[in-house]
Amino acid sequence: MIQWNSHNCECGRTFRLLEGGVTGRTDDITKVKGVLFAPSACEEIIQSFPELGNEYQIVVNRQGNEDKISIKLEMNPGCENMIDSVRAKLLNQLRLKTNIGYDLEFHDFGTLPRVEGKARRFKDLRHH
């Protein structure tokens, strides 16, 4: 994340300055299956499904020479019978938004690790 400084440099140069330098990235963008992938795009879609719980994990692995993305999701209590419907709609929306295919894993509510603060829900295991 950056913030532009509206003042000119004291040295007389006319290019724009960054206030405080680069303070961090707004999300983790990585290349998966030859496509730039932003986990925040998945989060936006996942959170739009009332049938899904708030906890999820996005994991990128390499199988042979191919990248694989799996998303672990929790169904909200009482919505377990909607997995097939949610799977179809979610896969469609994810593909439209990111142009990538996914493996979806549905878990019982409360079984995924709880994330607090700025802990990450995205894991890239290709480089380990």
C-alpha atoms as a PDB file:
ATOM      1  CA  MET A   1       0.000   0.000   0.000  1.00  0.00           C
ATOM      2  CA  ILE A   2       1.300   3.464  -0.849  1.00  0.00           C
ATOM      3  CA  GLN A   3       0.324   7.053  -0.288  1.00  0.00           C
ATOM      4  CA  TRP A   4       1.387   9.751  -2.717  1.00  0.00           C
ATOM      5  CA  ASN A   5       3.051  12.892  -1.341  1.00  0.00           C
ATOM      6  CA  SER A   6       1.592  16.023  -2.914  1.00  0.00           C
ATOM      7  CA  HIS A   7       4.752  18.126  -2.323  1.00  0.00           C
ATOM      8  CA  ASN A   8       7.701  18.463  -4.694  1.00  0.00           C
ATOM      9  CA  CYS A   9      11.060  17.033  -3.699  1.00  0.00           C
ATOM     10  CA  GLU A  10      13.438  19.508  -2.045  1.00  0.00           C
ATOM     11  CA  CYS A  11      16.129  18.556  -4.540  1.00  0.00           C
ATOM     12  CA  GLY A  12      14.052  19.957  -7.409  1.00  0.00           C
ATOM     13  CA  ARG A  13      13.126  16.698  -9.098  1.00  0.00           C
ATOM     14  CA  THR A  14       9.593  16.659 -10.461  1.00  0.00           C
ATOM     15  CA  PHE A  15       8.623  12.990 -10.119  1.00  0.00           C
ATOM     16  CA  ARG A  16       6.000  12.065  -7.543  1.00  0.00           C
ATOM     17  CA  LEU A  17       7.116  10.977  -4.091  1.00  0.00           C
ATOM     18  CA  LEU A  18       5.728   8.280  -1.848  1.00  0.00           C
ATOM     19  CA  GLU A  19       4.798   9.389   1.657  1.00  0.00           C
ATOM     20  CA  GLY A  20       6.663   7.059   4.032  1.00  0.00           C
ATOM     21  CA  GLY A  21       7.663   4.681   1.211  1.00  0.00           C
ATOM     22  CA  VAL A  22       5.876   1.419   0.471  1.00  0.00           C
ATOM     23  CA  THR A  23       4.020   0.326   3.597  1.00  0.00           C
ATOM     24  CA  GLY A  24       2.914  -3.129   2.418  1.00  0.00           C
ATOM     25  CA  ARG A  25       0.719  -4.964  -0.066  1.00  0.00           C
ATOM     26  CA  THR A  26      -3.041  -4.827   0.028  1.00  0.00           C
ATOM     27  CA  ASP A  27      -3.188  -8.543  -0.797  1.00  0.00           C
ATOM     28  CA  ASP A  28      -0.955 -11.412  -1.803  1.00  0.00           C
ATOM     29  CA  ILE A  29      -0.909 -11.749  -5.560  1.00  0.00           C
ATOM     30  CA  THR A  30       0.821 -14.786  -6.992  1.00  0.00           C
ATOM     31  CA  LYS A  31       0.880 -16.587 -10.313  1.00  0.00           C
ATOM     32  CA  VAL A  32      -1.111 -19.834 -10.338  1.00  0.00           C
ATOM     33  CA  LYS A  33      -1.658 -21.909 -13.469  1.00  0.00           C
ATOM     34  CA  GLY A  34      -0.159 -19.031 -15.477  1.00  0.00           C
ATOM     35  CA  VAL A  35      -2.741 -16.537 -14.167  1.00  0.00           C
ATOM     36  CA  LEU A  36      -2.236 -13.772 -11.602  1.00  0.00           C
ATOM     37  CA  PHE A  37      -4.214 -14.879  -8.564  1.00  0.00           C
ATOM     38  CA  ALA A  38      -5.462 -12.638  -5.735  1.00  0.00           C
ATOM     39  CA  PRO A  39      -6.850 -14.560  -2.747  1.00  0.00           C
ATOM     40  CA  SER A  40      -8.959 -11.507  -1.891  1.00  0.00           C
ATOM     41  CA  ALA A  41     -11.056 -12.200  -5.004  1.00  0.00           C
ATOM     42  CA  CYS A  42     -11.959 -15.624  -3.568  1.00  0.00           C
ATOM     43  CA  GLU A  43     -12.719 -14.140  -0.162  1.00  0.00           C
ATOM     44  CA  GLU A  44     -15.204 -11.703  -1.657  1.00  0.00           C
ATOM     45  CA  ILE A  45     -17.064 -14.526  -3.404  1.00  0.00           C
ATOM     46  CA  ILE A  46     -16.967 -16.919  -0.431  1.00  0.00           C
ATOM     47  CA  GLN A  47     -18.355 -14.274   1.906  1.00  0.00           C
ATOM     48  CA  SER A  48     -21.281 -13.660  -0.440  1.00  0.00           C
ATOM     49  CA  PHE A  49     -22.650 -17.170   0.304  1.00  0.00           C
ATOM     50  CA  PRO A  50     -24.811 -17.163   3.453  1.00  0.00           C
ATOM     51  CA  GLU A  51     -24.626 -20.987   3.542  1.00  0.00           C
ATOM     52  CA  LEU A  52     -20.871 -20.842   4.220  1.00  0.00           C
ATOM     53  CA  GLY A  53     -19.180 -20.138   7.538  1.00  0.00           C
ATOM     54  CA  ASN A  54     -16.635 -17.366   8.012  1.00  0.00           C
ATOM     55  CA  GLU A  55     -13.635 -19.665   8.172  1.00  0.00           C
ATOM     56  CA  TYR A  56     -11.938 -21.018   5.058  1.00  0.00           C
ATOM     57  CA  GLN A  57      -8.466 -21.903   3.805  1.00  0.00           C
ATOM     58  CA  ILE A  58      -7.030 -21.491   0.317  1.00  0.00           C
ATOM     59  CA  VAL A  59      -4.103 -23.844  -0.370  1.00  0.00           C
ATOM     60  CA  VAL A  60      -1.937 -23.918  -3.503  1.00  0.00           C
ATOM     61  CA  ASN A  61       0.045 -27.119  -4.120  1.00  0.00           C
ATOM     62  CA  ARG A  62       2.017 -28.484  -7.025  1.00  0.00           C
ATOM     63  CA  GLN A  63       1.185 -31.961  -8.318  1.00  0.00           C
ATOM     64  CA  GLY A  64       3.772 -32.924 -10.896  1.00  0.00           C
ATOM     65  CA  ASN A  65       4.113 -29.874 -13.125  1.00  0.00           C
ATOM     66  CA  GLU A  66       0.625 -28.556 -12.411  1.00  0.00           C
ATOM     67  CA  ASP A  67      -0.570 -26.079  -9.797  1.00  0.00           C
ATOM     68  CA  LYS A  68      -3.665 -27.107  -7.835  1.00  0.00           C
ATOM     69  CA  ILE A  69      -5.810 -24.802  -5.707  1.00  0.00           C
ATOM     70  CA  SER A  70      -8.034 -26.228  -3.035  1.00  0.00           C
ATOM     71  CA  ILE A  71     -10.397 -24.255  -0.853  1.00  0.00           C
ATOM     72  CA  LYS A  72     -11.471 -25.714   2.468  1.00  0.00           C
ATOM     73  CA  LEU A  73     -14.874 -24.388   3.502  1.00  0.00           C
ATOM     74  CA  GLU A  74     -17.300 -24.812   6.355  1.00  0.00           C
ATOM     75  CA  MET A  75     -21.034 -25.096   5.853  1.00  0.00           C
ATOM     76  CA  ASN A  76     -23.143 -23.169   8.356  1.00  0.00           C
ATOM     77  CA  PRO A  77     -25.262 -25.367  10.663  1.00  0.00           C
ATOM     78  CA  GLY A  78     -28.476 -26.431   8.939  1.00  0.00           C
ATOM     79  CA  CYS A  79     -27.053 -25.928   5.438  1.00  0.00           C
ATOM     80  CA  GLU A  80     -25.262 -29.276   5.098  1.00  0.00           C
ATOM     81  CA  ASN A  81     -27.874 -30.559   2.629  1.00  0.00           C
ATOM     82  CA  MET A  82     -27.024 -27.684   0.228  1.00  0.00           C
ATOM     83  CA  ILE A  83     -23.422 -28.720  -0.496  1.00  0.00           C
ATOM     84  CA  ASP A  84     -24.058 -29.777  -4.114  1.00  0.00           C
ATOM     85  CA  SER A  85     -25.917 -26.557  -4.935  1.00  0.00           C
ATOM     86  CA  VAL A  86     -23.342 -24.348  -3.194  1.00  0.00           C
ATOM     87  CA  ARG A  87     -20.469 -26.246  -4.880  1.00  0.00           C
ATOM     88  CA  ALA A  88     -21.878 -25.656  -8.379  1.00  0.00           C
ATOM     89  CA  LYS A  89     -22.614 -21.956  -7.823  1.00  0.00           C
ATOM     90  CA  LEU A  90     -19.332 -21.291  -6.040  1.00  0.00           C
ATOM     91  CA  LEU A  91     -17.209 -23.027  -8.686  1.00  0.00           C
ATOM     92  CA  ASN A  92     -18.982 -21.046 -11.400  1.00  0.00           C
ATOM     93  CA  GLN A  93     -18.474 -17.690  -9.672  1.00  0.00           C
ATOM     94  CA  LEU A  94     -14.839 -18.430  -8.816  1.00  0.00           C
ATOM     95  CA  ARG A  95     -14.071 -19.400 -12.417  1.00  0.00           C
ATOM     96  CA  LEU A  96     -15.785 -16.279 -13.784  1.00  0.00           C
ATOM     97  CA  LYS A  97     -13.948 -13.961 -11.369  1.00  0.00           C
ATOM     98  CA  THR A  98     -10.478 -15.557 -11.390  1.00  0.00           C
ATOM     99  CA  ASN A  99     -10.355 -17.700 -14.561  1.00  0.00           C
ATOM    100  CA  ILE A 100      -9.000 -20.619 -12.492  1.00  0.00           C
ATOM    101  CA  GLY A 101     -10.464 -23.999 -11.519  1.00  0.00           C
ATOM    102  CA  TYR A 102     -10.622 -25.112  -7.878  1.00  0.00           C
ATOM    103  CA  ASP A 103     -11.014 -28.228  -5.760  1.00  0.00           C
ATOM    104  CA  LEU A 104     -13.562 -27.493  -3.031  1.00  0.00           C
ATOM    105  CA  GLU A 105     -13.499 -29.365   0.271  1.00  0.00           C
ATOM    106  CA  PHE A 106     -16.513 -28.951   2.556  1.00  0.00           C
ATOM    107  CA  HIS A 107     -16.028 -29.477   6.293  1.00  0.00           C
ATOM    108  CA  ASP A 108     -18.339 -29.515   9.283  1.00  0.00           C
ATOM    109  CA  PHE A 109     -18.899 -26.180  10.972  1.00  0.00           C
ATOM    110  CA  GLY A 110     -16.258 -25.453  13.608  1.00  0.00           C
ATOM    111  CA  THR A 111     -13.629 -27.897  12.311  1.00  0.00           C
ATOM    112  CA  LEU A 112     -11.325 -25.487  10.428  1.00  0.00           C
ATOM    113  CA  PRO A 113      -8.741 -23.539  12.453  1.00  0.00           C
ATOM    114  CA  ARG A 114     -10.095 -20.216  13.706  1.00  0.00           C
ATOM    115  CA  VAL A 115      -8.290 -17.165  12.363  1.00  0.00           C
ATOM    116  CA  GLU A 116      -7.838 -14.113  14.554  1.00  0.00           C
ATOM    117  CA  GLY A 117      -6.408 -10.732  13.671  1.00  0.00           C
ATOM    118  CA  LYS A 118      -4.330 -10.668  10.514  1.00  0.00           C
ATOM    119  CA  ALA A 119      -3.537 -14.383  10.396  1.00  0.00           C
ATOM    120  CA  ARG A 120      -3.506 -15.681   6.858  1.00  0.00           C
ATOM    121  CA  ARG A 121      -6.039 -17.980   5.252  1.00  0.00           C
ATOM    122  CA  PHE A 122      -3.912 -18.394   2.111  1.00  0.00           C
ATOM    123  CA  LYS A 123      -1.104 -20.964   1.999  1.00  0.00           C
ATOM    124  CA  ASP A 124       1.234 -21.432  -0.952  1.00  0.00           C
ATOM    125  CA  LEU A 125       2.955 -24.786  -0.439  1.00  0.00           C
ATOM    126  CA  ARG A 126       4.686 -24.919  -3.844  1.00  0.00           C
ATOM    127  CA  HIS A 127       7.958 -23.426  -2.624  1.00  0.00           C
ATOM    128  CA  HIS A 128       8.480 -25.608   0.449  1.00  0.00           C
END
